[in-house]
């Protein structure tokens, strides 16, 4: 942490931080997409196993239920 302060005093922190943020963006976006899809899949499978095929059919027929 102290080293970061020295870097900030240097003015070199900004360059380092921009590099790190771009790296984080490049890594984080696909990771987040993967995580979200995995979470959704887990939720769907748990729902299906808990309630059989009903939940999936319900999701498919939401429009019919609403009408």
C-alpha atoms as a PDB file:
ATOM      1  CA  UNK A   1       0.000   0.000   0.000  1.00  0.00           C
ATOM      2  CA  UNK A   2       2.851   2.361   0.823  1.00  0.00           C
ATOM      3  CA  UNK A   3       4.404   1.668  -2.556  1.00  0.00           C
ATOM      4  CA  UNK A   4       1.185   2.800  -4.216  1.00  0.00           C
ATOM      5  CA  UNK A   5       1.421   6.113  -2.370  1.00  0.00           C
ATOM      6  CA  UNK A   6       4.954   6.627  -3.611  1.00  0.00           C
ATOM      7  CA  UNK A   7       3.843   5.803  -7.133  1.00  0.00           C
ATOM      8  CA  UNK A   8       1.027   8.315  -6.851  1.00  0.00           C
ATOM      9  CA  UNK A   9       3.517  10.939  -5.731  1.00  0.00           C
ATOM     10  CA  UNK A  10       5.582   9.923  -8.725  1.00  0.00           C
ATOM     11  CA  UNK A  11       2.728  10.412 -11.141  1.00  0.00           C
ATOM     12  CA  UNK A  12       3.328   6.895 -12.407  1.00  0.00           C
ATOM     13  CA  UNK A  13       0.255   5.570 -10.644  1.00  0.00           C
ATOM     14  CA  UNK A  14      -2.117   6.900 -13.262  1.00  0.00           C
ATOM     15  CA  UNK A  15      -0.363   5.011 -16.044  1.00  0.00           C
ATOM     16  CA  UNK A  16      -0.333   1.831 -13.967  1.00  0.00           C
ATOM     17  CA  UNK A  17      -3.968   2.243 -12.972  1.00  0.00           C
ATOM     18  CA  UNK A  18      -5.194   2.820 -16.529  1.00  0.00           C
ATOM     19  CA  UNK A  19      -3.357  -0.310 -17.644  1.00  0.00           C
ATOM     20  CA  UNK A  20      -4.847  -2.295 -14.795  1.00  0.00           C
ATOM     21  CA  UNK A  21      -8.367  -0.992 -15.394  1.00  0.00           C
ATOM     22  CA  UNK A  22      -8.221  -1.869 -19.093  1.00  0.00           C
ATOM     23  CA  UNK A  23      -6.960  -5.320 -18.146  1.00  0.00           C
ATOM     24  CA  UNK A  24      -9.771  -5.698 -15.638  1.00  0.00           C
ATOM     25  CA  UNK A  25     -12.324  -4.652 -18.250  1.00  0.00           C
ATOM     26  CA  UNK A  26     -10.930  -7.114 -20.778  1.00  0.00           C
ATOM     27  CA  UNK A  27     -11.014  -9.934 -18.244  1.00  0.00           C
ATOM     28  CA  UNK A  28     -14.067  -8.981 -16.217  1.00  0.00           C
ATOM     29  CA  UNK A  29     -16.676  -8.601 -18.960  1.00  0.00           C
ATOM     30  CA  UNK A  30     -16.462 -12.152 -20.373  1.00  0.00           C
ATOM     31  CA  UNK A  31     -16.030 -13.506 -16.859  1.00  0.00           C
ATOM     32  CA  UNK A  32     -19.190 -11.743 -15.731  1.00  0.00           C
ATOM     33  CA  UNK A  33     -21.062 -13.057 -18.760  1.00  0.00           C
ATOM     34  CA  UNK A  34     -19.892 -16.585 -17.992  1.00  0.00           C
ATOM     35  CA  UNK A  35     -20.823 -16.224 -14.332  1.00  0.00           C
ATOM     36  CA  UNK A  36     -24.266 -14.900 -15.145  1.00  0.00           C
ATOM     37  CA  UNK A  37     -25.019 -17.691 -17.618  1.00  0.00           C
ATOM     38  CA  UNK A  38     -23.719 -20.293 -15.171  1.00  0.00           C
ATOM     39  CA  UNK A  39     -25.866 -18.842 -12.392  1.00  0.00           C
ATOM     40  CA  UNK A  40     -28.922 -18.816 -14.623  1.00  0.00           C
ATOM     41  CA  UNK A  41     -28.283 -22.405 -15.677  1.00  0.00           C
ATOM     42  CA  UNK A  42     -27.843 -23.484 -12.061  1.00  0.00           C
ATOM     43  CA  UNK A  43     -31.078 -21.758 -11.082  1.00  0.00           C
ATOM     44  CA  UNK A  44     -32.938 -23.340 -13.972  1.00  0.00           C
ATOM     45  CA  UNK A  45     -31.655 -26.840 -13.236  1.00  0.00           C
ATOM     46  CA  UNK A  46     -32.400 -26.512  -9.519  1.00  0.00           C
ATOM     47  CA  UNK A  47     -35.914 -25.297 -10.312  1.00  0.00           C
ATOM     48  CA  UNK A  48     -36.456 -28.150 -12.747  1.00  0.00           C
ATOM     49  CA  UNK A  49     -35.176 -30.775 -10.322  1.00  0.00           C
ATOM     50  CA  UNK A  50     -37.247 -29.302  -7.491  1.00  0.00           C
ATOM     51  CA  UNK A  51     -40.484 -28.955  -9.401  1.00  0.00           C
ATOM     52  CA  UNK A  52     -40.137 -31.330 -12.320  1.00  0.00           C
ATOM     53  CA  UNK A  53     -40.948 -30.083 -15.807  1.00  0.00           C
ATOM     54  CA  UNK A  54     -43.664 -27.693 -14.640  1.00  0.00           C
ATOM     55  CA  UNK A  55     -41.431 -24.664 -14.108  1.00  0.00           C
ATOM     56  CA  UNK A  56     -39.871 -24.945 -17.556  1.00  0.00           C
ATOM     57  CA  UNK A  57     -43.262 -25.236 -19.213  1.00  0.00           C
ATOM     58  CA  UNK A  58     -44.500 -22.310 -17.144  1.00  0.00           C
ATOM     59  CA  UNK A  59     -41.577 -20.189 -18.315  1.00  0.00           C
ATOM     60  CA  UNK A  60     -42.336 -21.181 -21.885  1.00  0.00           C
ATOM     61  CA  UNK A  61     -46.054 -20.424 -21.565  1.00  0.00           C
ATOM     62  CA  UNK A  62     -45.905 -17.191 -19.582  1.00  0.00           C
ATOM     63  CA  UNK A  63     -47.681 -15.327 -22.382  1.00  0.00           C
ATOM     64  CA  UNK A  64     -50.552 -17.827 -22.403  1.00  0.00           C
ATOM     65  CA  UNK A  65     -50.931 -17.557 -18.631  1.00  0.00           C
ATOM     66  CA  UNK A  66     -51.040 -13.785 -18.847  1.00  0.00           C
ATOM     67  CA  UNK A  67     -53.677 -13.752 -21.588  1.00  0.00           C
END
